[in-house]
Amino acid sequence: VKDDRITIVKPLVTRFWLERAAIEDASKLAAEIKAIRRTKRPL
């Protein structure tokens, strides 16, 4: 997390880019976005 940008770096392998992975990643990012909201409250 840096400023208003979140970067997810991952291997370029299909299993990490399925929609199932997107749903799982979104739950992780929700916690990160909460941290950003506490400082900048963009959302």
PDB file of all heavy atoms in Angstrom:
ATOM      1  N   VAL A   1       0.849  -1.194   0.000  1.00  0.00           N
ATOM      2  CA  VAL A   1       0.000   0.000   0.000  1.00  0.00           C
ATOM      3  C   VAL A   1       0.883   1.241   0.000  1.00  0.00           C
ATOM      4  O   VAL A   1       1.789   1.368   0.829  1.00  0.00           O
ATOM      5  CB  VAL A   1      -0.925   0.032   1.237  1.00  0.00           C
ATOM      6  CG1 VAL A   1      -1.806   1.274   1.201  1.00  0.00           C
ATOM      7  CG2 VAL A   1      -1.760  -1.225   1.304  1.00  0.00           C
ATOM      8  N   LYS A   2       0.646   2.144  -0.935  1.00  0.00           N
ATOM      9  CA  LYS A   2       1.377   3.408  -0.982  1.00  0.00           C
ATOM     10  C   LYS A   2       0.415   4.494  -1.435  1.00  0.00           C
ATOM     11  O   LYS A   2      -0.099   4.473  -2.553  1.00  0.00           O
ATOM     12  CB  LYS A   2       2.559   3.325  -1.938  1.00  0.00           C
ATOM     13  CG  LYS A   2       3.407   4.589  -1.939  1.00  0.00           C
ATOM     14  CD  LYS A   2       4.626   4.440  -2.840  1.00  0.00           C
ATOM     15  CE  LYS A   2       5.473   5.718  -2.807  1.00  0.00           C
ATOM     16  NZ  LYS A   2       6.646   5.604  -3.709  1.00  0.00           N
ATOM     17  N   ASP A   3       0.180   5.445  -0.530  1.00  0.00           N
ATOM     18  CA  ASP A   3      -0.768   6.534  -0.795  1.00  0.00           C
ATOM     19  C   ASP A   3      -2.135   5.946  -1.176  1.00  0.00           C
ATOM     20  O   ASP A   3      -2.695   5.177  -0.411  1.00  0.00           O
ATOM     21  CB  ASP A   3      -0.226   7.460  -1.893  1.00  0.00           C
ATOM     22  CG  ASP A   3       1.095   8.105  -1.492  1.00  0.00           C
ATOM     23  OD1 ASP A   3       1.270   8.383  -0.282  1.00  0.00           O
ATOM     24  OD2 ASP A   3       1.950   8.299  -2.362  1.00  0.00           O
ATOM     25  N   ASP A   4      -2.659   6.322  -2.343  1.00  0.00           N
ATOM     26  CA  ASP A   4      -3.991   5.853  -2.734  1.00  0.00           C
ATOM     27  C   ASP A   4      -3.913   4.672  -3.700  1.00  0.00           C
ATOM     28  O   ASP A   4      -4.872   4.378  -4.417  1.00  0.00           O
ATOM     29  CB  ASP A   4      -4.800   6.987  -3.369  1.00  0.00           C
ATOM     30  CG  ASP A   4      -4.132   7.541  -4.632  1.00  0.00           C
ATOM     31  OD1 ASP A   4      -2.983   7.132  -4.913  1.00  0.00           O
ATOM     32  OD2 ASP A   4      -4.758   8.364  -5.315  1.00  0.00           O
ATOM     33  N   ARG A   5      -2.791   3.982  -3.703  1.00  0.00           N
ATOM     34  CA  ARG A   5      -2.601   2.857  -4.617  1.00  0.00           C
ATOM     35  C   ARG A   5      -2.223   1.599  -3.856  1.00  0.00           C
ATOM     36  O   ARG A   5      -1.403   1.628  -2.945  1.00  0.00           O
ATOM     37  CB  ARG A   5      -1.524   3.186  -5.646  1.00  0.00           C
ATOM     38  CG  ARG A   5      -1.243   2.062  -6.631  1.00  0.00           C
ATOM     39  CD  ARG A   5      -0.105   2.377  -7.566  1.00  0.00           C
ATOM     40  NE  ARG A   5      -0.395   3.507  -8.431  1.00  0.00           N
ATOM     41  CZ  ARG A   5       0.414   3.908  -9.401  1.00  0.00           C
ATOM     42  NH1 ARG A   5       1.559   3.262  -9.618  1.00  0.00           N
ATOM     43  NH2 ARG A   5       0.098   4.944 -10.154  1.00  0.00           N
ATOM     44  N   ILE A   6      -2.866   0.498  -4.242  1.00  0.00           N
ATOM     45  CA  ILE A   6      -2.524  -0.809  -3.688  1.00  0.00           C
ATOM     46  C   ILE A   6      -2.019  -1.674  -4.836  1.00  0.00           C
ATOM     47  O   ILE A   6      -2.681  -1.786  -5.872  1.00  0.00           O
ATOM     48  CB  ILE A   6      -3.740  -1.493  -3.035  1.00  0.00           C
ATOM     49  CG1 ILE A   6      -4.287  -0.620  -1.900  1.00  0.00           C
ATOM     50  CG2 ILE A   6      -3.365  -2.866  -2.495  1.00  0.00           C
ATOM     51  CD1 ILE A   6      -5.545  -1.171  -1.265  1.00  0.00           C
ATOM     52  N   THR A   7      -0.834  -2.249  -4.650  1.00  0.00           N
ATOM     53  CA  THR A   7      -0.243  -3.099  -5.677  1.00  0.00           C
ATOM     54  C   THR A   7      -0.206  -4.543  -5.195  1.00  0.00           C
ATOM     55  O   THR A   7       0.286  -4.830  -4.099  1.00  0.00           O
ATOM     56  CB  THR A   7       1.189  -2.639  -6.016  1.00  0.00           C
ATOM     57  OG1 THR A   7       1.161  -1.274  -6.430  1.00  0.00           O
ATOM     58  CG2 THR A   7       1.769  -3.495  -7.141  1.00  0.00           C
ATOM     59  N   ILE A   8      -0.747  -5.445  -6.006  1.00  0.00           N
ATOM     60  CA  ILE A   8      -0.673  -6.877  -5.728  1.00  0.00           C
ATOM     61  C   ILE A   8       0.287  -7.479  -6.749  1.00  0.00           C
ATOM     62  O   ILE A   8       0.022  -7.432  -7.949  1.00  0.00           O
ATOM     63  CB  ILE A   8      -2.042  -7.567  -5.864  1.00  0.00           C
ATOM     64  CG1 ILE A   8      -3.138  -6.802  -5.127  1.00  0.00           C
ATOM     65  CG2 ILE A   8      -1.964  -9.002  -5.372  1.00  0.00           C
ATOM     66  CD1 ILE A   8      -4.525  -7.344  -5.388  1.00  0.00           C
ATOM     67  N   VAL A   9       1.393  -8.019  -6.279  1.00  0.00           N
ATOM     68  CA  VAL A   9       2.362  -8.647  -7.172  1.00  0.00           C
ATOM     69  C   VAL A   9       2.220 -10.157  -7.038  1.00  0.00           C
ATOM     70  O   VAL A   9       2.190 -10.687  -5.924  1.00  0.00           O
ATOM     71  CB  VAL A   9       3.798  -8.216  -6.828  1.00  0.00           C
ATOM     72  CG1 VAL A   9       4.792  -8.845  -7.800  1.00  0.00           C
ATOM     73  CG2 VAL A   9       3.918  -6.699  -6.864  1.00  0.00           C
ATOM     74  N   LYS A  10       2.109 -10.843  -8.167  1.00  0.00           N
ATOM     75  CA  LYS A  10       1.882 -12.287  -8.118  1.00  0.00           C
ATOM     76  C   LYS A  10       2.481 -12.966  -9.342  1.00  0.00           C
ATOM     77  O   LYS A  10       2.692 -12.323 -10.376  1.00  0.00           O
ATOM     78  CB  LYS A  10       0.389 -12.586  -8.021  1.00  0.00           C
ATOM     79  CG  LYS A  10      -0.463 -11.973  -9.127  1.00  0.00           C
ATOM     80  CD  LYS A  10      -1.908 -12.414  -9.008  1.00  0.00           C
ATOM     81  CE  LYS A  10      -2.526 -11.989  -7.708  1.00  0.00           C
ATOM     82  NZ  LYS A  10      -3.777 -12.670  -7.404  1.00  0.00           N
ATOM     83  N   PRO A  11       2.759 -14.271  -9.243  1.00  0.00           N
ATOM     84  CA  PRO A  11       3.265 -15.009 -10.404  1.00  0.00           C
ATOM     85  C   PRO A  11       2.256 -14.988 -11.549  1.00  0.00           C
ATOM     86  O   PRO A  11       1.053 -14.957 -11.323  1.00  0.00           O
ATOM     87  CB  PRO A  11       3.464 -16.429  -9.868  1.00  0.00           C
ATOM     88  CG  PRO A  11       3.587 -16.264  -8.391  1.00  0.00           C
ATOM     89  CD  PRO A  11       2.683 -15.115  -8.040  1.00  0.00           C
ATOM     90  N   LEU A  12       2.769 -15.013 -12.759  1.00  0.00           N
ATOM     91  CA  LEU A  12       1.904 -15.004 -13.938  1.00  0.00           C
ATOM     92  C   LEU A  12       1.507 -16.444 -14.266  1.00  0.00           C
ATOM     93  O   LEU A  12       1.915 -17.029 -15.266  1.00  0.00           O
ATOM     94  CB  LEU A  12       2.628 -14.358 -15.119  1.00  0.00           C
ATOM     95  CG  LEU A  12       1.754 -13.801 -16.247  1.00  0.00           C
ATOM     96  CD1 LEU A  12       0.779 -12.773 -15.704  1.00  0.00           C
ATOM     97  CD2 LEU A  12       2.612 -13.194 -17.329  1.00  0.00           C
ATOM     98  N   VAL A  13       0.717 -17.007 -13.358  1.00  0.00           N
ATOM     99  CA  VAL A  13       0.246 -18.387 -13.450  1.00  0.00           C
ATOM    100  C   VAL A  13      -1.273 -18.348 -13.294  1.00  0.00           C
ATOM    101  O   VAL A  13      -1.801 -17.646 -12.425  1.00  0.00           O
ATOM    102  CB  VAL A  13       0.881 -19.263 -12.353  1.00  0.00           C
ATOM    103  CG1 VAL A  13       0.348 -20.681 -12.420  1.00  0.00           C
ATOM    104  CG2 VAL A  13       2.396 -19.251 -12.479  1.00  0.00           C
ATOM    105  N   THR A  14      -1.978 -19.097 -14.116  1.00  0.00           N
ATOM    106  CA  THR A  14      -3.438 -19.001 -14.191  1.00  0.00           C
ATOM    107  C   THR A  14      -4.123 -19.094 -12.837  1.00  0.00           C
ATOM    108  O   THR A  14      -5.068 -18.347 -12.558  1.00  0.00           O
ATOM    109  CB  THR A  14      -3.991 -20.093 -15.130  1.00  0.00           C
ATOM    110  OG1 THR A  14      -3.597 -19.795 -16.471  1.00  0.00           O
ATOM    111  CG2 THR A  14      -5.512 -20.152 -15.073  1.00  0.00           C
ATOM    112  N   ARG A  15      -3.679 -20.003 -11.977  1.00  0.00           N
ATOM    113  CA  ARG A  15      -4.412 -20.213 -10.726  1.00  0.00           C
ATOM    114  C   ARG A  15      -4.448 -18.980  -9.835  1.00  0.00           C
ATOM    115  O   ARG A  15      -5.335 -18.844  -8.999  1.00  0.00           O
ATOM    116  CB  ARG A  15      -3.843 -21.406  -9.953  1.00  0.00           C
ATOM    117  CG  ARG A  15      -2.502 -21.212  -9.287  1.00  0.00           C
ATOM    118  CD  ARG A  15      -2.042 -22.540  -8.709  1.00  0.00           C
ATOM    119  NE  ARG A  15      -0.796 -22.447  -7.962  1.00  0.00           N
ATOM    120  CZ  ARG A  15      -0.735 -22.267  -6.649  1.00  0.00           C
ATOM    121  NH1 ARG A  15      -1.846 -22.152  -5.945  1.00  0.00           N
ATOM    122  NH2 ARG A  15       0.432 -22.212  -6.036  1.00  0.00           N
ATOM    123  N   PHE A  16      -3.505 -18.053 -10.047  1.00  0.00           N
ATOM    124  CA  PHE A  16      -3.503 -16.824  -9.262  1.00  0.00           C
ATOM    125  C   PHE A  16      -4.353 -15.723  -9.906  1.00  0.00           C
ATOM    126  O   PHE A  16      -4.507 -14.651  -9.326  1.00  0.00           O
ATOM    127  CB  PHE A  16      -2.080 -16.308  -9.068  1.00  0.00           C
ATOM    128  CG  PHE A  16      -1.204 -17.236  -8.268  1.00  0.00           C
ATOM    129  CD1 PHE A  16      -0.118 -17.859  -8.857  1.00  0.00           C
ATOM    130  CD2 PHE A  16      -1.486 -17.502  -6.941  1.00  0.00           C
ATOM    131  CE1 PHE A  16       0.686 -18.722  -8.136  1.00  0.00           C
ATOM    132  CE2 PHE A  16      -0.690 -18.366  -6.205  1.00  0.00           C
ATOM    133  CZ  PHE A  16       0.399 -18.978  -6.801  1.00  0.00           C
ATOM    134  N   TRP A  17      -4.875 -16.003 -11.108  1.00  0.00           N
ATOM    135  CA  TRP A  17      -5.637 -14.987 -11.835  1.00  0.00           C
ATOM    136  C   TRP A  17      -7.069 -15.434 -12.135  1.00  0.00           C
ATOM    137  O   TRP A  17      -7.744 -14.829 -12.968  1.00  0.00           O
ATOM    138  CB  TRP A  17      -4.915 -14.645 -13.144  1.00  0.00           C
ATOM    139  CG  TRP A  17      -3.587 -14.007 -12.919  1.00  0.00           C
ATOM    140  CD1 TRP A  17      -2.400 -14.650 -12.668  1.00  0.00           C
ATOM    141  CD2 TRP A  17      -3.282 -12.610 -12.897  1.00  0.00           C
ATOM    142  NE1 TRP A  17      -1.382 -13.738 -12.494  1.00  0.00           N
ATOM    143  CE2 TRP A  17      -1.896 -12.475 -12.628  1.00  0.00           C
ATOM    144  CE3 TRP A  17      -4.048 -11.463 -13.081  1.00  0.00           C
ATOM    145  CZ2 TRP A  17      -1.267 -11.241 -12.539  1.00  0.00           C
ATOM    146  CZ3 TRP A  17      -3.423 -10.227 -13.000  1.00  0.00           C
ATOM    147  CH2 TRP A  17      -2.053 -10.122 -12.723  1.00  0.00           C
ATOM    148  N   LEU A  18      -7.530 -16.449 -11.449  1.00  0.00           N
ATOM    149  CA  LEU A  18      -8.925 -16.866 -11.590  1.00  0.00           C
ATOM    150  C   LEU A  18      -9.833 -15.865 -10.872  1.00  0.00           C
ATOM    151  O   LEU A  18      -9.390 -15.105 -10.007  1.00  0.00           O
ATOM    152  CB  LEU A  18      -9.120 -18.257 -10.999  1.00  0.00           C
ATOM    153  CG  LEU A  18      -8.341 -19.412 -11.650  1.00  0.00           C
ATOM    154  CD1 LEU A  18      -8.570 -20.697 -10.870  1.00  0.00           C
ATOM    155  CD2 LEU A  18      -8.736 -19.578 -13.103  1.00  0.00           C
ATOM    156  N   GLU A  19     -11.096 -15.879 -11.202  1.00  0.00           N
ATOM    157  CA  GLU A  19     -12.045 -15.009 -10.503  1.00  0.00           C
ATOM    158  C   GLU A  19     -12.166 -15.430  -9.038  1.00  0.00           C
ATOM    159  O   GLU A  19     -12.430 -14.604  -8.164  1.00  0.00           O
ATOM    160  CB  GLU A  19     -13.405 -15.040 -11.202  1.00  0.00           C
ATOM    161  CG  GLU A  19     -13.379 -14.362 -12.566  1.00  0.00           C
ATOM    162  CD  GLU A  19     -14.736 -14.292 -13.221  1.00  0.00           C
ATOM    163  OE1 GLU A  19     -15.641 -13.661 -12.642  1.00  0.00           O
ATOM    164  OE2 GLU A  19     -14.890 -14.876 -14.320  1.00  0.00           O
ATOM    165  N   ARG A  20     -11.973 -16.728  -8.764  1.00  0.00           N
ATOM    166  CA  ARG A  20     -11.946 -17.198  -7.381  1.00  0.00           C
ATOM    167  C   ARG A  20     -10.837 -16.477  -6.611  1.00  0.00           C
ATOM    168  O   ARG A  20     -11.021 -16.047  -5.479  1.00  0.00           O
ATOM    169  CB  ARG A  20     -11.717 -18.706  -7.353  1.00  0.00           C
ATOM    170  CG  ARG A  20     -11.530 -19.295  -5.961  1.00  0.00           C
ATOM    171  CD  ARG A  20     -11.131 -20.759  -6.057  1.00  0.00           C
ATOM    172  NE  ARG A  20     -12.174 -21.554  -6.668  1.00  0.00           N
ATOM    173  CZ  ARG A  20     -13.167 -22.121  -5.988  1.00  0.00           C
ATOM    174  NH1 ARG A  20     -13.244 -21.978  -4.679  1.00  0.00           N
ATOM    175  NH2 ARG A  20     -14.076 -22.827  -6.605  1.00  0.00           N
ATOM    176  N   ALA A  21      -9.662 -16.324  -7.261  1.00  0.00           N
ATOM    177  CA  ALA A  21      -8.542 -15.623  -6.632  1.00  0.00           C
ATOM    178  C   ALA A  21      -8.878 -14.148  -6.427  1.00  0.00           C
ATOM    179  O   ALA A  21      -8.497 -13.544  -5.410  1.00  0.00           O
ATOM    180  CB  ALA A  21      -7.285 -15.768  -7.487  1.00  0.00           C
ATOM    181  N   ALA A  22      -9.609 -13.563  -7.382  1.00  0.00           N
ATOM    182  CA  ALA A  22      -9.995 -12.155  -7.251  1.00  0.00           C
ATOM    183  C   ALA A  22     -10.887 -11.944  -6.030  1.00  0.00           C
ATOM    184  O   ALA A  22     -10.742 -10.958  -5.300  1.00  0.00           O
ATOM    185  CB  ALA A  22     -10.708 -11.682  -8.519  1.00  0.00           C
ATOM    186  N   ILE A  23     -11.813 -12.878  -5.800  1.00  0.00           N
ATOM    187  CA  ILE A  23     -12.709 -12.780  -4.649  1.00  0.00           C
ATOM    188  C   ILE A  23     -11.911 -12.886  -3.352  1.00  0.00           C
ATOM    189  O   ILE A  23     -12.135 -12.134  -2.398  1.00  0.00           O
ATOM    190  CB  ILE A  23     -13.788 -13.871  -4.722  1.00  0.00           C
ATOM    191  CG1 ILE A  23     -14.704 -13.623  -5.934  1.00  0.00           C
ATOM    192  CG2 ILE A  23     -14.615 -13.917  -3.439  1.00  0.00           C
ATOM    193  CD1 ILE A  23     -15.656 -14.753  -6.241  1.00  0.00           C
ATOM    194  N   GLU A  24     -10.954 -13.821  -3.315  1.00  0.00           N
ATOM    195  CA  GLU A  24     -10.123 -13.987  -2.121  1.00  0.00           C
ATOM    196  C   GLU A  24      -9.235 -12.764  -1.912  1.00  0.00           C
ATOM    197  O   GLU A  24      -9.061 -12.288  -0.775  1.00  0.00           O
ATOM    198  CB  GLU A  24      -9.268 -15.245  -2.262  1.00  0.00           C
ATOM    199  CG  GLU A  24     -10.085 -16.535  -2.275  1.00  0.00           C
ATOM    200  CD  GLU A  24      -9.250 -17.752  -2.614  1.00  0.00           C
ATOM    201  OE1 GLU A  24      -8.071 -17.571  -3.012  1.00  0.00           O
ATOM    202  OE2 GLU A  24      -9.767 -18.877  -2.490  1.00  0.00           O
ATOM    203  N   ASP A  25      -8.657 -12.238  -2.999  1.00  0.00           N
ATOM    204  CA  ASP A  25      -7.799 -11.060  -2.890  1.00  0.00           C
ATOM    205  C   ASP A  25      -8.589  -9.845  -2.422  1.00  0.00           C
ATOM    206  O   ASP A  25      -8.077  -9.001  -1.675  1.00  0.00           O
ATOM    207  CB  ASP A  25      -7.138 -10.756  -4.239  1.00  0.00           C
ATOM    208  CG  ASP A  25      -6.086 -11.794  -4.614  1.00  0.00           C
ATOM    209  OD1 ASP A  25      -5.669 -12.552  -3.715  1.00  0.00           O
ATOM    210  OD2 ASP A  25      -5.684 -11.830  -5.793  1.00  0.00           O
ATOM    211  N   ALA A  26      -9.835  -9.732  -2.868  1.00  0.00           N
ATOM    212  CA  ALA A  26     -10.664  -8.595  -2.478  1.00  0.00           C
ATOM    213  C   ALA A  26     -10.870  -8.553  -0.968  1.00  0.00           C
ATOM    214  O   ALA A  26     -10.871  -7.478  -0.353  1.00  0.00           O
ATOM    215  CB  ALA A  26     -12.005  -8.637  -3.194  1.00  0.00           C
ATOM    216  N   SER A  27     -11.029  -9.723  -0.347  1.00  0.00           N
ATOM    217  CA  SER A  27     -11.225  -9.754   1.108  1.00  0.00           C
ATOM    218  C   SER A  27      -9.963  -9.273   1.830  1.00  0.00           C
ATOM    219  O   SER A  27     -10.044  -8.620   2.868  1.00  0.00           O
ATOM    220  CB  SER A  27     -11.600 -11.161   1.565  1.00  0.00           C
ATOM    221  OG  SER A  27     -10.543 -12.071   1.340  1.00  0.00           O
ATOM    222  N   LYS A  28      -8.793  -9.597   1.253  1.00  0.00           N
ATOM    223  CA  LYS A  28      -7.542  -9.109   1.845  1.00  0.00           C
ATOM    224  C   LYS A  28      -7.412  -7.601   1.677  1.00  0.00           C
ATOM    225  O   LYS A  28      -6.991  -6.890   2.586  1.00  0.00           O
ATOM    226  CB  LYS A  28      -6.345  -9.802   1.180  1.00  0.00           C
ATOM    227  CG  LYS A  28      -6.309 -11.308   1.307  1.00  0.00           C
ATOM    228  CD  LYS A  28      -5.148 -11.876   0.501  1.00  0.00           C
ATOM    229  CE  LYS A  28      -5.179 -13.388   0.452  1.00  0.00           C
ATOM    230  NZ  LYS A  28      -4.108 -13.936  -0.432  1.00  0.00           N
ATOM    231  N   LEU A  29      -7.803  -7.117   0.498  1.00  0.00           N
ATOM    232  CA  LEU A  29      -7.668  -5.687   0.222  1.00  0.00           C
ATOM    233  C   LEU A  29      -8.621  -4.847   1.058  1.00  0.00           C
ATOM    234  O   LEU A  29      -8.333  -3.685   1.348  1.00  0.00           O
ATOM    235  CB  LEU A  29      -7.933  -5.416  -1.262  1.00  0.00           C
ATOM    236  CG  LEU A  29      -6.922  -5.996  -2.252  1.00  0.00           C
ATOM    237  CD1 LEU A  29      -7.219  -5.489  -3.648  1.00  0.00           C
ATOM    238  CD2 LEU A  29      -5.504  -5.628  -1.870  1.00  0.00           C
ATOM    239  N   ALA A  30      -9.755  -5.433   1.433  1.00  0.00           N
ATOM    240  CA  ALA A  30     -10.716  -4.677   2.242  1.00  0.00           C
ATOM    241  C   ALA A  30     -10.057  -4.165   3.520  1.00  0.00           C
ATOM    242  O   ALA A  30     -10.287  -3.022   3.942  1.00  0.00           O
ATOM    243  CB  ALA A  30     -11.921  -5.549   2.575  1.00  0.00           C
ATOM    244  N   ALA A  31      -9.225  -5.007   4.126  1.00  0.00           N
ATOM    245  CA  ALA A  31      -8.531  -4.594   5.347  1.00  0.00           C
ATOM    246  C   ALA A  31      -7.546  -3.467   5.050  1.00  0.00           C
ATOM    247  O   ALA A  31      -7.405  -2.526   5.847  1.00  0.00           O
ATOM    248  CB  ALA A  31      -7.798  -5.784   5.960  1.00  0.00           C
ATOM    249  N   GLU A  32      -6.880  -3.551   3.901  1.00  0.00           N
ATOM    250  CA  GLU A  32      -5.933  -2.504   3.539  1.00  0.00           C
ATOM    251  C   GLU A  32      -6.656  -1.179   3.269  1.00  0.00           C
ATOM    252  O   GLU A  32      -6.186  -0.108   3.639  1.00  0.00           O
ATOM    253  CB  GLU A  32      -5.139  -2.924   2.293  1.00  0.00           C
ATOM    254  CG  GLU A  32      -4.401  -4.247   2.421  1.00  0.00           C
ATOM    255  CD  GLU A  32      -3.287  -4.201   3.444  1.00  0.00           C
ATOM    256  OE1 GLU A  32      -2.900  -3.100   3.869  1.00  0.00           O
ATOM    257  OE2 GLU A  32      -2.811  -5.278   3.829  1.00  0.00           O
ATOM    258  N   ILE A  33      -7.804  -1.270   2.610  1.00  0.00           N
ATOM    259  CA  ILE A  33      -8.564  -0.056   2.304  1.00  0.00           C
ATOM    260  C   ILE A  33      -9.079   0.594   3.572  1.00  0.00           C
ATOM    261  O   ILE A  33      -9.134   1.818   3.690  1.00  0.00           O
ATOM    262  CB  ILE A  33      -9.725  -0.389   1.343  1.00  0.00           C
ATOM    263  CG1 ILE A  33      -9.156  -0.826  -0.014  1.00  0.00           C
ATOM    264  CG2 ILE A  33     -10.653   0.811   1.172  1.00  0.00           C
ATOM    265  CD1 ILE A  33     -10.198  -1.299  -0.994  1.00  0.00           C
ATOM    266  N   LYS A  34      -9.450  -0.222   4.563  1.00  0.00           N
ATOM    267  CA  LYS A  34      -9.882   0.339   5.845  1.00  0.00           C
ATOM    268  C   LYS A  34      -8.781   1.192   6.451  1.00  0.00           C
ATOM    269  O   LYS A  34      -9.037   2.256   7.021  1.00  0.00           O
ATOM    270  CB  LYS A  34     -10.258  -0.784   6.811  1.00  0.00           C
ATOM    271  CG  LYS A  34     -11.593  -1.433   6.542  1.00  0.00           C
ATOM    272  CD  LYS A  34     -11.887  -2.505   7.589  1.00  0.00           C
ATOM    273  CE  LYS A  34     -13.211  -3.185   7.325  1.00  0.00           C
ATOM    274  NZ  LYS A  34     -13.496  -4.251   8.322  1.00  0.00           N
ATOM    275  N   ALA A  35      -7.546   0.733   6.334  1.00  0.00           N
ATOM    276  CA  ALA A  35      -6.421   1.488   6.878  1.00  0.00           C
ATOM    277  C   ALA A  35      -6.259   2.824   6.158  1.00  0.00           C
ATOM    278  O   ALA A  35      -5.975   3.857   6.778  1.00  0.00           O
ATOM    279  CB  ALA A  35      -5.139   0.668   6.749  1.00  0.00           C
ATOM    280  N   ILE A  36      -6.483   2.808   4.830  1.00  0.00           N
ATOM    281  CA  ILE A  36      -6.400   4.051   4.067  1.00  0.00           C
ATOM    282  C   ILE A  36      -7.531   4.998   4.449  1.00  0.00           C
ATOM    283  O   ILE A  36      -7.340   6.208   4.577  1.00  0.00           O
ATOM    284  CB  ILE A  36      -6.436   3.745   2.557  1.00  0.00           C
ATOM    285  CG1 ILE A  36      -5.202   2.943   2.160  1.00  0.00           C
ATOM    286  CG2 ILE A  36      -6.515   5.028   1.741  1.00  0.00           C
ATOM    287  CD1 ILE A  36      -5.208   2.490   0.716  1.00  0.00           C
ATOM    288  N   ARG A  37      -8.702   4.453   4.682  1.00  0.00           N
ATOM    289  CA  ARG A  37      -9.858   5.280   5.059  1.00  0.00           C
ATOM    290  C   ARG A  37      -9.599   6.015   6.357  1.00  0.00           C
ATOM    291  O   ARG A  37     -10.033   7.153   6.537  1.00  0.00           O
ATOM    292  CB  ARG A  37     -11.101   4.406   5.198  1.00  0.00           C
ATOM    293  CG  ARG A  37     -11.667   3.889   3.900  1.00  0.00           C
ATOM    294  CD  ARG A  37     -12.879   3.016   4.112  1.00  0.00           C
ATOM    295  NE  ARG A  37     -13.985   3.758   4.702  1.00  0.00           N
ATOM    296  CZ  ARG A  37     -15.158   3.217   5.014  1.00  0.00           C
ATOM    297  NH1 ARG A  37     -15.360   1.931   4.800  1.00  0.00           N
ATOM    298  NH2 ARG A  37     -16.111   3.944   5.532  1.00  0.00           N
ATOM    299  N   ARG A  38      -8.889   5.373   7.264  1.00  0.00           N
ATOM    300  CA  ARG A  38      -8.642   6.013   8.568  1.00  0.00           C
ATOM    301  C   ARG A  38      -7.756   7.238   8.439  1.00  0.00           C
ATOM    302  O   ARG A  38      -7.802   8.132   9.274  1.00  0.00           O
ATOM    303  CB  ARG A  38      -8.008   5.001   9.529  1.00  0.00           C
ATOM    304  CG  ARG A  38      -8.989   3.975  10.080  1.00  0.00           C
ATOM    305  CD  ARG A  38      -8.411   3.261  11.271  1.00  0.00           C
ATOM    306  NE  ARG A  38      -7.322   2.377  10.903  1.00  0.00           N
ATOM    307  CZ  ARG A  38      -7.481   1.093  10.593  1.00  0.00           C
ATOM    308  NH1 ARG A  38      -8.676   0.556  10.603  1.00  0.00           N
ATOM    309  NH2 ARG A  38      -6.436   0.360  10.261  1.00  0.00           N
ATOM    310  N   THR A  39      -6.946   7.279   7.366  1.00  0.00           N
ATOM    311  CA  THR A  39      -6.036   8.417   7.195  1.00  0.00           C
ATOM    312  C   THR A  39      -6.552   9.445   6.201  1.00  0.00           C
ATOM    313  O   THR A  39      -6.610  10.635   6.493  1.00  0.00           O
ATOM    314  CB  THR A  39      -4.662   7.925   6.742  1.00  0.00           C
ATOM    315  OG1 THR A  39      -4.814   7.166   5.534  1.00  0.00           O
ATOM    316  CG2 THR A  39      -4.022   7.038   7.813  1.00  0.00           C
ATOM    317  N   LYS A  40      -7.002   8.977   5.023  1.00  0.00           N
ATOM    318  CA  LYS A  40      -7.435   9.913   3.983  1.00  0.00           C
ATOM    319  C   LYS A  40      -8.928   9.925   3.761  1.00  0.00           C
ATOM    320  O   LYS A  40      -9.456  10.860   3.158  1.00  0.00           O
ATOM    321  CB  LYS A  40      -6.733   9.566   2.652  1.00  0.00           C
ATOM    322  CG  LYS A  40      -5.215   9.682   2.728  1.00  0.00           C
ATOM    323  CD  LYS A  40      -4.586   9.418   1.394  1.00  0.00           C
ATOM    324  CE  LYS A  40      -4.931  10.495   0.406  1.00  0.00           C
ATOM    325  NZ  LYS A  40      -4.238  10.340  -0.866  1.00  0.00           N
ATOM    326  N   ARG A  41      -9.628   8.856   4.194  1.00  0.00           N
ATOM    327  CA  ARG A  41     -11.067   8.697   4.049  1.00  0.00           C
ATOM    328  C   ARG A  41     -11.510   8.943   2.596  1.00  0.00           C
ATOM    329  O   ARG A  41     -12.411   9.732   2.341  1.00  0.00           O
ATOM    330  CB  ARG A  41     -11.844   9.635   4.988  1.00  0.00           C
ATOM    331  CG  ARG A  41     -11.531   9.394   6.446  1.00  0.00           C
ATOM    332  CD  ARG A  41     -12.454  10.185   7.326  1.00  0.00           C
ATOM    333  NE  ARG A  41     -13.819   9.719   7.193  1.00  0.00           N
ATOM    334  CZ  ARG A  41     -14.308   8.659   7.818  1.00  0.00           C
ATOM    335  NH1 ARG A  41     -13.536   7.924   8.587  1.00  0.00           N
ATOM    336  NH2 ARG A  41     -15.567   8.310   7.649  1.00  0.00           N
ATOM    337  N   PRO A  42     -10.906   8.263   1.615  1.00  0.00           N
ATOM    338  CA  PRO A  42     -11.335   8.440   0.234  1.00  0.00           C
ATOM    339  C   PRO A  42     -12.583   7.691  -0.112  1.00  0.00           C
ATOM    340  O   PRO A  42     -13.237   7.980  -1.089  1.00  0.00           O
ATOM    341  CB  PRO A  42     -10.148   7.899  -0.564  1.00  0.00           C
ATOM    342  CG  PRO A  42      -9.593   6.829   0.325  1.00  0.00           C
ATOM    343  CD  PRO A  42      -9.802   7.312   1.734  1.00  0.00           C
ATOM    344  N   LEU A  43     -12.880   6.624   0.678  1.00  0.00           N
ATOM    345  CA  LEU A  43     -14.056   5.817   0.349  1.00  0.00           C
ATOM    346  C   LEU A  43     -15.171   6.048   1.343  1.00  0.00           C
ATOM    347  O   LEU A  43     -14.913   6.226   2.512  1.00  0.00           O
ATOM    348  CB  LEU A  43     -13.669   4.342   0.346  1.00  0.00           C
ATOM    349  CG  LEU A  43     -12.723   3.917  -0.795  1.00  0.00           C
ATOM    350  CD1 LEU A  43     -12.401   2.445  -0.667  1.00  0.00           C
ATOM    351  CD2 LEU A  43     -13.334   4.204  -2.142  1.00  0.00           C
TER     352      LEU A  43
END
